[in-house]
Amino acid sequence: MGIYDRSYYRDEPPRRGVSGGGSGGFRFRGFSAWSVTTWLIVVNIAIHVLATTVLPQLYNWGHFSTYTGFQRLEVWRLVTFQFLHSSGSIWHLAFNMFGLYMFGGIVEDTLGRRKYLAFYLVCGVFGGLLYLVLNLLGVVFHVNLPGVLFSDVKTPLIGASAGVFGIIMACAYIAPKMTVRLLFPPIALTMRTMAYAYMGLAVFNLLTGGNNAGGDAAHVGGALAGAYFIRHSHLLLDFFDIFGDSRKKKRPGGAPATRAKPSAAKRRRVSEEARIDAILTKVKDEGIGSLTAKEKKLLARDTERRRGGTGGGGG
């Protein structure tokens, strides 16, 4: 089975989570089929519902501020603040989830599930860190910064927009010439133009003391992280190393290598199909950009061979 036989590498977009099954109508494909983007949207909505109904304490437990995250060393808030949104308006949540829905899949398909989740969270963390740095400059070093927000160490920061801005900047690198049609204003732009325009607007609001200076600081921090890590995605491999050591070399099947390369006789016993399947599994989990030159060559050779075997003779 070659790469073009797999549903996740055909020309049509992959079906994510809940889908319409052709003549079968609405069909639930199971939680295991959900993309990371789908899970992020569902978790954000679920937490928002809980925080605005039965558990308003989530805002106190999860928001980030210089006082809680830095002075009290509650560093986990650099992650938890990303899943909280304004209780007074649904639009804060709606706009962030819409951006995640529109652009998250592009980055996830490029990086693979694991690195994509790390990428999203890292962009959010850097958004929080830039907010922290600007707050410390205003409070500790008395640097004259626009807006009164950066003079209060207890001003809370919440929202997923830092991660979303990172995703948009990543899309500008992955598909810079893709056409994007905005809702407001209703115009068409290239992905690169839209991303840089959003970035420029956030910087302008930050420097001129807009009414959401903290949010704009997070936007800029997330966008800068997104632009960097999409170009250096190998740095994301260590993000989840609390669960294991990703630096250990692995065999194509995924098991950590404990010895040197297997002998030539043993390599010959490994079937071509098993090697191709292992590579395709790697593409599905980590994105095609994770393949080595040798793996890409093997994949291309297998695809060409199968095309020649099933498509008749060439002329």
Protein backbone atom coordinates (compact mmCIF):
# COMPACT_ATOMS: atom_id res chain seq x y z
CA MET A 1 0.00 0.00 0.00
CA GLY A 2 1.60 3.26 -1.14
CA ILE A 3 1.30 6.72 0.32
CA TYR A 4 -1.51 7.76 -2.03
CA ASP A 5 -3.61 4.83 -0.84
CA ARG A 6 -3.84 6.37 2.64
CA SER A 7 -6.77 8.67 3.33
CA TYR A 8 -4.63 11.16 5.21
CA TYR A 9 -2.37 11.79 2.20
CA ARG A 10 -4.85 12.14 -0.63
CA ASP A 11 -5.73 15.40 -2.31
CA GLU A 12 -9.03 15.79 -0.49
CA PRO A 13 -8.87 17.30 3.02
CA PRO A 14 -8.96 14.77 5.86
CA ARG A 15 -12.24 14.36 7.68
CA ARG A 16 -11.84 15.47 11.28
CA GLY A 17 -13.86 14.18 14.18
CA VAL A 18 -17.52 14.66 13.31
CA SER A 19 -18.21 14.48 9.61
CA GLY A 20 -20.82 14.00 6.98
CA GLY A 21 -20.46 10.52 5.62
CA GLY A 22 -21.71 11.03 2.06
CA SER A 23 -24.98 9.26 1.47
CA GLY A 24 -24.84 8.00 5.04
CA GLY A 25 -25.48 11.49 6.38
CA PHE A 26 -24.21 12.75 9.72
CA ARG A 27 -21.70 10.35 11.22
CA PHE A 28 -19.72 10.44 14.46
CA ARG A 29 -16.23 9.05 13.87
CA GLY A 30 -15.25 8.62 17.53
CA PHE A 31 -13.07 10.61 19.91
CA SER A 32 -9.89 8.87 18.75
CA ALA A 33 -10.38 10.31 15.25
CA TRP A 34 -10.56 13.90 16.50
CA SER A 35 -7.75 16.19 15.51
CA VAL A 36 -5.82 18.14 18.13
CA THR A 37 -7.50 21.29 16.79
CA THR A 38 -10.93 19.78 17.45
CA TRP A 39 -9.92 18.77 20.96
CA LEU A 40 -8.58 22.27 21.72
CA ILE A 41 -11.85 23.86 20.59
CA VAL A 42 -13.96 21.42 22.61
CA VAL A 43 -11.84 21.84 25.75
CA ASN A 44 -11.89 25.63 25.51
CA ILE A 45 -15.67 25.69 25.13
CA ALA A 46 -16.19 23.18 27.96
CA ILE A 47 -13.98 25.17 30.35
CA HIS A 48 -15.74 28.40 29.41
CA VAL A 49 -19.13 26.85 30.16
CA LEU A 50 -17.90 25.56 33.53
CA ALA A 51 -16.25 28.88 34.45
CA THR A 52 -19.34 30.92 33.62
CA THR A 53 -21.83 28.59 35.34
CA VAL A 54 -20.85 26.26 38.17
CA LEU A 55 -17.11 26.92 38.66
CA PRO A 56 -16.34 30.65 38.52
CA GLN A 57 -13.32 29.86 40.73
CA LEU A 58 -11.53 28.67 37.58
CA TYR A 59 -10.68 32.28 36.81
CA ASN A 60 -8.88 32.64 40.14
CA TRP A 61 -7.17 29.28 39.79
CA GLY A 62 -6.09 29.60 36.18
CA HIS A 63 -5.46 33.22 35.15
CA PHE A 64 -1.90 34.48 34.74
CA SER A 65 -0.49 37.64 36.26
CA THR A 66 2.93 38.86 37.34
CA TYR A 67 1.86 38.42 40.96
CA THR A 68 0.57 34.84 40.66
CA GLY A 69 2.88 33.49 37.98
CA PHE A 70 6.11 35.23 38.95
CA GLN A 71 6.00 36.36 42.58
CA ARG A 72 4.13 33.26 43.77
CA LEU A 73 5.95 30.98 41.29
CA GLU A 74 2.73 29.39 40.03
CA VAL A 75 4.30 28.79 36.64
CA TRP A 76 1.57 26.40 35.47
CA ARG A 77 -0.59 29.47 34.91
CA LEU A 78 1.40 30.13 31.72
CA VAL A 79 -0.58 27.19 30.31
CA THR A 80 -3.89 27.40 32.16
CA PHE A 81 -4.60 31.04 31.25
CA GLN A 82 -4.79 29.95 27.60
CA PHE A 83 -8.02 28.04 28.27
CA LEU A 84 -9.94 30.85 30.00
CA HIS A 85 -11.97 33.56 28.25
CA SER A 86 -13.90 36.66 29.28
CA SER A 87 -17.05 35.80 31.19
CA GLY A 88 -18.88 38.98 30.22
CA SER A 89 -18.90 38.33 26.46
CA ILE A 90 -19.01 35.24 24.28
CA TRP A 91 -17.14 37.03 21.49
CA HIS A 92 -13.72 36.64 23.12
CA LEU A 93 -14.13 32.87 22.98
CA ALA A 94 -15.92 32.87 19.61
CA PHE A 95 -13.24 34.81 17.71
CA ASN A 96 -10.39 32.73 19.14
CA MET A 97 -12.10 29.43 18.37
CA PHE A 98 -13.01 30.59 14.88
CA GLY A 99 -9.36 31.43 14.19
CA LEU A 100 -8.29 28.08 15.60
CA TYR A 101 -10.87 26.28 13.46
CA MET A 102 -9.88 28.11 10.26
CA PHE A 103 -6.10 27.89 10.50
CA GLY A 104 -5.18 25.23 13.06
CA GLY A 105 -5.55 22.31 10.65
CA ILE A 106 -2.94 23.74 8.26
CA VAL A 107 -0.30 23.80 10.98
CA GLU A 108 -1.37 20.46 12.46
CA ASP A 109 -1.09 18.71 9.10
CA THR A 110 2.40 20.18 8.66
CA LEU A 111 3.81 19.44 12.12
CA GLY A 112 1.88 16.34 13.14
CA ARG A 113 -0.30 16.01 16.24
CA ARG A 114 2.37 15.96 18.94
CA LYS A 115 4.52 18.85 17.70
CA TYR A 116 1.42 20.86 16.81
CA LEU A 117 0.09 20.69 20.36
CA ALA A 118 3.51 21.67 21.69
CA PHE A 119 3.65 24.52 19.16
CA TYR A 120 0.25 25.88 20.19
CA LEU A 121 1.05 25.79 23.91
CA VAL A 122 4.54 27.24 23.45
CA CYS A 123 3.12 30.21 21.53
CA GLY A 124 0.70 30.80 24.41
CA VAL A 125 3.52 30.55 26.95
CA PHE A 126 5.61 33.13 25.06
CA GLY A 127 2.58 35.41 24.92
CA GLY A 128 2.39 35.24 28.70
CA LEU A 129 6.14 35.78 29.03
CA LEU A 130 6.11 38.96 26.95
CA TYR A 131 3.25 40.26 29.07
CA LEU A 132 5.33 39.42 32.16
CA VAL A 133 8.44 41.18 30.84
CA LEU A 134 6.53 44.36 29.99
CA ASN A 135 4.81 44.32 33.37
CA LEU A 136 8.16 43.95 35.17
CA LEU A 137 9.65 46.79 33.13
CA GLY A 138 6.83 49.06 34.21
CA VAL A 139 6.65 48.05 37.88
CA VAL A 140 10.22 47.16 38.85
CA PHE A 141 12.32 49.31 36.52
CA HIS A 142 9.77 52.12 36.10
CA VAL A 143 10.11 52.16 32.32
CA ASN A 144 7.53 54.54 30.88
CA LEU A 145 5.16 52.17 29.08
CA PRO A 146 1.83 53.18 27.48
CA GLY A 147 -1.30 52.35 29.42
CA VAL A 148 -1.82 51.81 33.13
CA LEU A 149 -2.09 48.04 32.72
CA PHE A 150 1.66 47.47 33.00
CA SER A 151 1.85 49.24 36.36
CA ASP A 152 -0.27 46.65 38.20
CA VAL A 153 1.23 43.22 38.95
CA LYS A 154 -2.19 41.71 39.67
CA THR A 155 -3.85 42.49 36.33
CA PRO A 156 -5.00 39.07 35.02
CA LEU A 157 -4.25 37.71 31.57
CA ILE A 158 -6.59 35.16 29.96
CA GLY A 159 -7.38 33.88 26.48
CA ALA A 160 -6.18 31.63 23.66
CA SER A 161 -5.29 34.45 21.28
CA ALA A 162 -1.51 34.13 21.80
CA GLY A 163 -1.64 30.56 20.50
CA VAL A 164 -3.98 31.56 17.67
CA PHE A 165 -1.66 34.39 16.61
CA GLY A 166 1.22 31.91 16.59
CA ILE A 167 -0.80 29.61 14.33
CA ILE A 168 -1.63 32.47 11.93
CA MET A 169 2.05 33.41 11.68
CA ALA A 170 2.91 29.76 11.04
CA CYS A 171 0.35 29.67 8.20
CA ALA A 172 2.05 32.71 6.67
CA TYR A 173 5.21 30.59 6.43
CA ILE A 174 3.53 27.34 5.33
CA ALA A 175 1.12 28.80 2.75
CA PRO A 176 2.07 32.46 2.21
CA LYS A 177 0.12 32.87 -1.05
CA MET A 178 -3.10 31.17 0.07
CA THR A 179 -6.09 33.48 -0.40
CA VAL A 180 -7.98 34.37 2.77
CA ARG A 181 -11.35 36.13 2.65
CA LEU A 182 -11.95 38.23 5.75
CA LEU A 183 -15.37 38.69 7.31
CA PHE A 184 -14.63 42.19 8.58
CA PRO A 185 -13.85 43.90 6.27
CA PRO A 186 -15.04 41.55 3.50
CA ILE A 187 -11.86 41.58 1.42
CA ALA A 188 -9.47 38.94 0.07
CA LEU A 189 -5.82 38.89 1.19
CA THR A 190 -2.93 36.49 0.96
CA MET A 191 -2.19 34.56 4.13
CA ARG A 192 1.13 36.37 4.53
CA THR A 193 -0.46 39.82 4.18
CA MET A 194 -3.21 39.01 6.65
CA ALA A 195 -0.78 37.62 9.23
CA TYR A 196 1.57 40.60 9.02
CA ALA A 197 -1.36 43.03 9.13
CA TYR A 198 -2.66 41.41 12.33
CA MET A 199 0.83 41.48 13.79
CA GLY A 200 1.28 45.14 12.87
CA LEU A 201 -2.07 46.07 14.38
CA ALA A 202 -1.19 44.33 17.65
CA VAL A 203 2.18 46.13 17.81
CA PHE A 204 0.51 49.48 17.08
CA ASN A 205 -2.11 48.98 19.80
CA LEU A 206 0.58 47.91 22.25
CA LEU A 207 2.79 50.94 21.60
CA THR A 208 -0.06 53.43 21.65
CA GLY A 209 -1.63 52.15 24.86
CA GLY A 210 -4.79 50.55 23.48
CA ASN A 211 -7.57 49.39 25.77
CA ASN A 212 -6.28 45.79 25.58
CA ALA A 213 -2.56 46.31 26.01
CA GLY A 214 -2.13 43.07 27.95
CA GLY A 215 -3.88 41.08 25.26
CA ASP A 216 -1.82 42.79 22.55
CA ALA A 217 1.37 41.93 24.42
CA ALA A 218 0.27 38.28 24.38
CA HIS A 219 -0.62 38.55 20.68
CA VAL A 220 2.83 39.87 19.81
CA GLY A 221 4.60 37.30 21.99
CA GLY A 222 2.60 34.44 20.50
CA ALA A 223 3.13 35.67 16.93
CA LEU A 224 6.90 36.01 17.40
CA ALA A 225 7.07 32.51 18.89
CA GLY A 226 4.97 31.13 16.03
CA ALA A 227 7.22 32.71 13.39
CA TYR A 228 10.30 31.23 15.08
CA PHE A 229 9.15 27.73 16.00
CA ILE A 230 7.52 26.94 12.66
CA ARG A 231 11.02 27.39 11.21
CA HIS A 232 12.69 25.42 14.02
CA SER A 233 10.04 22.83 14.82
CA HIS A 234 12.63 20.25 15.92
CA LEU A 235 12.94 22.26 19.14
CA LEU A 236 9.38 21.24 20.04
CA LEU A 237 10.27 17.56 20.41
CA ASP A 238 11.38 18.02 24.04
CA PHE A 239 8.17 19.76 25.16
CA PHE A 240 6.50 16.60 26.48
CA ASP A 241 9.66 14.92 27.76
CA ILE A 242 8.17 14.65 31.22
CA PHE A 243 6.56 11.48 29.80
CA GLY A 244 9.76 10.10 28.24
CA ASP A 245 13.02 10.99 26.50
CA SER A 246 12.33 12.04 22.90
CA ARG A 247 16.04 12.40 22.20
CA LYS A 248 16.55 8.64 22.08
CA LYS A 249 16.87 7.44 18.54
CA LYS A 250 13.97 5.31 17.40
CA ARG A 251 13.56 2.53 14.92
CA PRO A 252 11.05 3.11 12.09
CA GLY A 253 8.38 1.29 14.10
CA GLY A 254 8.74 3.68 17.03
CA ALA A 255 10.62 1.57 19.61
CA PRO A 256 13.72 3.19 21.14
CA ALA A 257 16.96 1.87 19.66
CA THR A 258 19.18 0.21 22.24
CA ARG A 259 21.82 -1.17 19.88
CA ALA A 260 23.72 -0.13 16.80
CA LYS A 261 22.23 -0.52 13.35
CA PRO A 262 20.99 -4.04 12.68
CA SER A 263 23.07 -6.27 10.46
CA ALA A 264 22.56 -6.39 6.71
CA ALA A 265 21.10 -9.87 7.01
CA LYS A 266 18.53 -8.71 9.51
CA ARG A 267 17.64 -5.64 7.43
CA ARG A 268 16.96 -7.89 4.47
CA ARG A 269 14.41 -9.82 6.50
CA VAL A 270 12.36 -6.68 7.14
CA SER A 271 9.68 -6.53 4.46
CA GLU A 272 9.35 -3.50 2.21
CA GLU A 273 5.69 -3.11 3.16
CA ALA A 274 6.45 -2.93 6.88
CA ARG A 275 9.05 -0.22 6.33
CA ILE A 276 6.68 1.83 4.19
CA ASP A 277 3.89 1.50 6.75
CA ALA A 278 6.22 2.66 9.50
CA ILE A 279 7.17 5.73 7.48
CA LEU A 280 3.55 6.51 6.73
CA THR A 281 2.69 6.25 10.40
CA LYS A 282 5.44 8.76 11.08
CA VAL A 283 3.95 11.10 8.45
CA LYS A 284 0.53 10.83 10.12
CA ASP A 285 1.85 11.49 13.64
CA GLU A 286 4.62 14.03 13.01
CA GLY A 287 3.99 15.50 9.54
CA ILE A 288 5.84 14.87 6.29
CA GLY A 289 8.47 17.43 7.26
CA SER A 290 9.76 14.99 9.90
CA LEU A 291 10.99 12.47 7.31
CA THR A 292 14.68 12.07 6.59
CA ALA A 293 16.03 12.25 3.07
CA LYS A 294 16.42 8.47 3.05
CA GLU A 295 12.81 7.94 4.14
CA LYS A 296 11.52 10.34 1.50
CA LYS A 297 13.54 8.54 -1.18
CA LEU A 298 12.21 5.15 -0.09
CA LEU A 299 8.64 6.48 -0.05
CA ALA A 300 8.97 8.02 -3.51
CA ARG A 301 10.46 4.79 -4.90
CA ASP A 302 7.66 2.68 -3.46
CA THR A 303 4.98 5.05 -4.81
CA GLU A 304 6.55 5.04 -8.27
CA ARG A 305 6.78 1.26 -8.25
CA ARG A 306 3.13 0.86 -7.33
CA ARG A 307 2.01 3.34 -9.94
CA GLY A 308 3.91 1.41 -12.56
CA GLY A 309 2.45 -1.86 -11.36
CA THR A 310 -1.18 -0.76 -11.40
CA GLY A 311 -1.33 1.81 -14.18
CA GLY A 312 -0.13 -0.28 -17.11
CA GLY A 313 2.89 0.36 -19.28
CA GLY A 314 4.21 3.78 -20.11
CA GLY A 315 4.37 5.11 -23.64
